[in-house]
Amino acid sequence: MHLSDFLDFDAIKPSLPGGNKRALLQQLAQIAAGRLDADAGEILSSVSERERLGSTGFGQGVAIPHGKIEGLSRIYCLFARLSDPVDYKSIDGQKVDLVFLLLSPPDAGAEHLKALAAISRVTRHAPTLEKMRGARSRDALAAVLMGADERDAA
């Protein structure tokens, strides 16, 4: 599975205000709800419930909040680069500035894990993270993410 299979390239946010972790998750839930014609409260609740199990801040300034949403027909991902990094209680203690919100139907167990793995592959590559932080527009970020996706497919 590749980012291009589930990432909403039209909804990439190149400079989303950070604030704090809760405000960030609320913003992401609102954006995703608008794109999916879904309930923002349900998205926030699902993602927050997962965060209570442990932070989805995976290190190097990257977080992958994720959750399962009733009625969702496909795996969906939204990417945002934050204008101000957020204290996310990440495993390495670094503030987060790159966020992938991943939402899946409740019955998409294996596919959900494959999507998480695809995001993880992209974010483990330090030069890609550097390019993501340097890209100034949605189109530039999309190009970096597509390039990373293609690199991982090779």
C-alpha atoms as a PDB file:
ATOM      1  CA  MET A   1       0.000   0.000   0.000  1.00  0.00           C
ATOM      2  CA  HIS A   2       1.180   3.517  -0.843  1.00  0.00           C
ATOM      3  CA  LEU A   3       0.304   7.028   0.323  1.00  0.00           C
ATOM      4  CA  SER A   4      -1.321   7.712  -3.032  1.00  0.00           C
ATOM      5  CA  ASP A   5      -3.887   4.997  -2.218  1.00  0.00           C
ATOM      6  CA  PHE A   6      -5.385   6.933   0.715  1.00  0.00           C
ATOM      7  CA  LEU A   7      -3.863  10.425   1.149  1.00  0.00           C
ATOM      8  CA  ASP A   8      -6.191  13.342   0.311  1.00  0.00           C
ATOM      9  CA  PHE A   9      -3.732  15.462  -1.676  1.00  0.00           C
ATOM     10  CA  ASP A  10      -6.297  18.254  -2.112  1.00  0.00           C
ATOM     11  CA  ALA A  11      -6.546  18.680   1.661  1.00  0.00           C
ATOM     12  CA  ILE A  12      -2.816  18.975   2.434  1.00  0.00           C
ATOM     13  CA  LYS A  13      -2.296  21.865   4.853  1.00  0.00           C
ATOM     14  CA  PRO A  14       1.145  23.512   4.468  1.00  0.00           C
ATOM     15  CA  SER A  15       0.855  25.822   7.489  1.00  0.00           C
ATOM     16  CA  LEU A  16      -1.782  24.766  10.005  1.00  0.00           C
ATOM     17  CA  PRO A  17      -1.671  26.646  13.345  1.00  0.00           C
ATOM     18  CA  GLY A  18      -0.545  24.281  16.074  1.00  0.00           C
ATOM     19  CA  GLY A  19      -1.670  25.595  19.443  1.00  0.00           C
ATOM     20  CA  ASN A  20      -1.773  22.542  21.681  1.00  0.00           C
ATOM     21  CA  LYS A  21      -2.401  18.854  21.068  1.00  0.00           C
ATOM     22  CA  ARG A  22      -6.130  19.002  21.809  1.00  0.00           C
ATOM     23  CA  ALA A  23      -6.675  22.060  19.579  1.00  0.00           C
ATOM     24  CA  LEU A  24      -4.677  20.374  16.814  1.00  0.00           C
ATOM     25  CA  LEU A  25      -6.769  17.200  16.963  1.00  0.00           C
ATOM     26  CA  GLN A  26      -9.951  19.308  16.909  1.00  0.00           C
ATOM     27  CA  GLN A  27      -8.754  21.183  13.810  1.00  0.00           C
ATOM     28  CA  LEU A  28      -7.841  17.963  12.022  1.00  0.00           C
ATOM     29  CA  ALA A  29     -11.186  16.379  12.921  1.00  0.00           C
ATOM     30  CA  GLN A  30     -13.024  19.430  11.538  1.00  0.00           C
ATOM     31  CA  ILE A  31     -11.076  19.373   8.271  1.00  0.00           C
ATOM     32  CA  ALA A  32     -11.545  15.621   7.803  1.00  0.00           C
ATOM     33  CA  ALA A  33     -15.248  15.849   8.664  1.00  0.00           C
ATOM     34  CA  GLY A  34     -15.728  18.467   5.972  1.00  0.00           C
ATOM     35  CA  ARG A  35     -13.877  16.392   3.390  1.00  0.00           C
ATOM     36  CA  LEU A  36     -15.700  13.159   4.289  1.00  0.00           C
ATOM     37  CA  ASP A  37     -19.138  14.550   5.134  1.00  0.00           C
ATOM     38  CA  ALA A  38     -18.674  12.936   8.550  1.00  0.00           C
ATOM     39  CA  ASP A  39     -19.185  13.980  12.165  1.00  0.00           C
ATOM     40  CA  ALA A  40     -16.203  15.935  13.557  1.00  0.00           C
ATOM     41  CA  GLY A  41     -17.127  14.932  17.116  1.00  0.00           C
ATOM     42  CA  GLU A  42     -17.014  11.247  16.242  1.00  0.00           C
ATOM     43  CA  ILE A  43     -13.630  11.666  14.538  1.00  0.00           C
ATOM     44  CA  LEU A  44     -12.233  13.593  17.506  1.00  0.00           C
ATOM     45  CA  SER A  45     -13.600  11.021  19.946  1.00  0.00           C
ATOM     46  CA  SER A  46     -12.058   8.090  18.050  1.00  0.00           C
ATOM     47  CA  VAL A  47      -8.666   9.752  17.687  1.00  0.00           C
ATOM     48  CA  SER A  48      -8.660  10.959  21.314  1.00  0.00           C
ATOM     49  CA  GLU A  49      -9.546   7.478  22.543  1.00  0.00           C
ATOM     50  CA  ARG A  50      -6.527   6.092  20.681  1.00  0.00           C
ATOM     51  CA  GLU A  51      -4.303   8.842  22.152  1.00  0.00           C
ATOM     52  CA  ARG A  52      -5.347   7.789  25.676  1.00  0.00           C
ATOM     53  CA  LEU A  53      -3.747   4.391  24.986  1.00  0.00           C
ATOM     54  CA  GLY A  54      -0.449   6.126  24.232  1.00  0.00           C
ATOM     55  CA  SER A  55       0.840   9.030  22.186  1.00  0.00           C
ATOM     56  CA  THR A  56       0.876   8.620  18.427  1.00  0.00           C
ATOM     57  CA  GLY A  57       3.864  10.987  18.314  1.00  0.00           C
ATOM     58  CA  PHE A  58       6.350   8.605  16.719  1.00  0.00           C
ATOM     59  CA  GLY A  59       9.453  10.766  16.919  1.00  0.00           C
ATOM     60  CA  GLN A  60      11.437  13.119  14.671  1.00  0.00           C
ATOM     61  CA  GLY A  61       8.596  15.659  14.896  1.00  0.00           C
ATOM     62  CA  VAL A  62       6.014  13.320  13.332  1.00  0.00           C
ATOM     63  CA  ALA A  63       2.620  12.260  14.712  1.00  0.00           C
ATOM     64  CA  ILE A  64       0.124   9.838  13.183  1.00  0.00           C
ATOM     65  CA  PRO A  65      -3.124  10.213  15.122  1.00  0.00           C
ATOM     66  CA  HIS A  66      -5.512   7.542  13.918  1.00  0.00           C
ATOM     67  CA  GLY A  67      -8.893   6.030  14.565  1.00  0.00           C
ATOM     68  CA  LYS A  68     -11.737   3.899  13.257  1.00  0.00           C
ATOM     69  CA  ILE A  69     -14.908   5.637  12.059  1.00  0.00           C
ATOM     70  CA  GLU A  70     -18.310   3.989  11.618  1.00  0.00           C
ATOM     71  CA  GLY A  71     -19.771   4.506   8.173  1.00  0.00           C
ATOM     72  CA  LEU A  72     -16.451   5.329   6.523  1.00  0.00           C
ATOM     73  CA  SER A  73     -16.210   3.488   3.196  1.00  0.00           C
ATOM     74  CA  ARG A  74     -12.437   3.716   2.718  1.00  0.00           C
ATOM     75  CA  ILE A  75      -9.171   4.527   4.434  1.00  0.00           C
ATOM     76  CA  TYR A  76      -8.599   8.286   4.518  1.00  0.00           C
ATOM     77  CA  CYS A  77      -5.521  10.344   5.384  1.00  0.00           C
ATOM     78  CA  LEU A  78      -5.017  14.063   5.838  1.00  0.00           C
ATOM     79  CA  PHE A  79      -1.549  15.652   6.115  1.00  0.00           C
ATOM     80  CA  ALA A  80      -0.675  18.932   7.825  1.00  0.00           C
ATOM     81  CA  ARG A  81       2.558  20.753   8.505  1.00  0.00           C
ATOM     82  CA  LEU A  82       2.195  22.947  11.564  1.00  0.00           C
ATOM     83  CA  SER A  83       3.260  26.576  11.583  1.00  0.00           C
ATOM     84  CA  ASP A  84       4.144  26.190  15.274  1.00  0.00           C
ATOM     85  CA  PRO A  85       5.288  22.788  16.627  1.00  0.00           C
ATOM     86  CA  VAL A  86       3.126  21.252  19.345  1.00  0.00           C
ATOM     87  CA  ASP A  87       4.127  19.406  22.518  1.00  0.00           C
ATOM     88  CA  TYR A  88       2.615  16.039  21.609  1.00  0.00           C
ATOM     89  CA  LYS A  89       4.155  13.835  24.325  1.00  0.00           C
ATOM     90  CA  SER A  90       6.108  12.022  21.605  1.00  0.00           C
ATOM     91  CA  ILE A  91       8.279   9.043  22.434  1.00  0.00           C
ATOM     92  CA  ASP A  92      11.462  11.063  21.789  1.00  0.00           C
ATOM     93  CA  GLY A  93      10.204  14.205  23.564  1.00  0.00           C
ATOM     94  CA  GLN A  94      10.427  16.325  20.383  1.00  0.00           C
ATOM     95  CA  LYS A  95       7.639  18.710  19.490  1.00  0.00           C
ATOM     96  CA  VAL A  96       5.526  17.687  16.482  1.00  0.00           C
ATOM     97  CA  ASP A  97       5.300  19.715  13.275  1.00  0.00           C
ATOM     98  CA  LEU A  98       4.293  17.029  10.737  1.00  0.00           C
ATOM     99  CA  VAL A  99       0.957  15.263  11.235  1.00  0.00           C
ATOM    100  CA  PHE A 100      -0.827  12.530   9.311  1.00  0.00           C
ATOM    101  CA  LEU A 101      -4.431  11.970  10.440  1.00  0.00           C
ATOM    102  CA  LEU A 102      -5.429   8.426   9.434  1.00  0.00           C
ATOM    103  CA  LEU A 103      -9.055   7.281   9.554  1.00  0.00           C
ATOM    104  CA  SER A 104     -10.319   3.808   8.674  1.00  0.00           C
ATOM    105  CA  PRO A 105     -13.563   1.865   8.602  1.00  0.00           C
ATOM    106  CA  PRO A 106     -13.957  -0.365  11.704  1.00  0.00           C
ATOM    107  CA  ASP A 107     -13.463  -3.560   9.668  1.00  0.00           C
ATOM    108  CA  ALA A 108     -10.268  -2.425   7.900  1.00  0.00           C
ATOM    109  CA  GLY A 109      -7.819  -3.960  10.400  1.00  0.00           C
ATOM    110  CA  ALA A 110      -5.113  -5.230   8.026  1.00  0.00           C
ATOM    111  CA  GLU A 111      -5.523  -2.329   5.605  1.00  0.00           C
ATOM    112  CA  HIS A 112      -5.317   0.158   8.492  1.00  0.00           C
ATOM    113  CA  LEU A 113      -1.999  -1.393   9.562  1.00  0.00           C
ATOM    114  CA  LYS A 114      -0.704  -1.304   5.972  1.00  0.00           C
ATOM    115  CA  ALA A 115      -1.590   2.385   5.746  1.00  0.00           C
ATOM    116  CA  LEU A 116       0.227   3.087   9.028  1.00  0.00           C
ATOM    117  CA  ALA A 117       3.244   1.194   7.665  1.00  0.00           C
ATOM    118  CA  ALA A 118       3.197   3.246   4.436  1.00  0.00           C
ATOM    119  CA  ILE A 119       3.207   6.505   6.421  1.00  0.00           C
ATOM    120  CA  SER A 120       5.934   5.164   8.689  1.00  0.00           C
ATOM    121  CA  ARG A 121       8.159   4.250   5.714  1.00  0.00           C
ATOM    122  CA  VAL A 122       7.935   7.796   4.372  1.00  0.00           C
ATOM    123  CA  THR A 123       8.580   9.436   7.744  1.00  0.00           C
ATOM    124  CA  ARG A 124      11.601   7.292   8.634  1.00  0.00           C
ATOM    125  CA  HIS A 125      13.550   8.826   5.748  1.00  0.00           C
ATOM    126  CA  ALA A 126      15.364  11.912   7.132  1.00  0.00           C
ATOM    127  CA  PRO A 127      15.902  13.624   3.738  1.00  0.00           C
ATOM    128  CA  THR A 128      12.148  13.340   3.045  1.00  0.00           C
ATOM    129  CA  LEU A 129      11.327  14.929   6.418  1.00  0.00           C
ATOM    130  CA  GLU A 130      13.729  17.768   5.607  1.00  0.00           C
ATOM    131  CA  LYS A 131      12.029  18.320   2.227  1.00  0.00           C
ATOM    132  CA  MET A 132       8.588  18.237   3.878  1.00  0.00           C
ATOM    133  CA  ARG A 133       9.695  20.939   6.289  1.00  0.00           C
ATOM    134  CA  GLY A 134      11.140  23.042   3.460  1.00  0.00           C
ATOM    135  CA  ALA A 135       8.183  22.821   1.057  1.00  0.00           C
ATOM    136  CA  ARG A 136       6.158  26.038   1.168  1.00  0.00           C
ATOM    137  CA  SER A 137       2.975  25.153  -0.712  1.00  0.00           C
ATOM    138  CA  ARG A 138       0.395  22.383  -0.873  1.00  0.00           C
ATOM    139  CA  ASP A 139       1.640  21.424  -4.338  1.00  0.00           C
ATOM    140  CA  ALA A 140       5.267  21.310  -3.173  1.00  0.00           C
ATOM    141  CA  LEU A 141       4.303  19.123  -0.209  1.00  0.00           C
ATOM    142  CA  ALA A 142       2.272  16.846  -2.488  1.00  0.00           C
ATOM    143  CA  ALA A 143       5.302  16.495  -4.784  1.00  0.00           C
ATOM    144  CA  VAL A 144       7.572  15.579  -1.853  1.00  0.00           C
ATOM    145  CA  LEU A 145       5.058  13.017  -0.565  1.00  0.00           C
ATOM    146  CA  MET A 146       4.533  11.512  -4.033  1.00  0.00           C
ATOM    147  CA  GLY A 147       8.299  11.325  -4.557  1.00  0.00           C
ATOM    148  CA  ALA A 148       8.732   9.555  -1.218  1.00  0.00           C
ATOM    149  CA  ASP A 149       5.890   7.200  -2.120  1.00  0.00           C
ATOM    150  CA  GLU A 150       7.541   6.368  -5.455  1.00  0.00           C
ATOM    151  CA  ARG A 151      10.939   5.903  -3.779  1.00  0.00           C
ATOM    152  CA  ASP A 152       9.417   3.392  -1.370  1.00  0.00           C
ATOM    153  CA  ALA A 153       7.648   1.570  -4.201  1.00  0.00           C
ATOM    154  CA  ALA A 154      10.956   0.985  -6.021  1.00  0.00           C
END
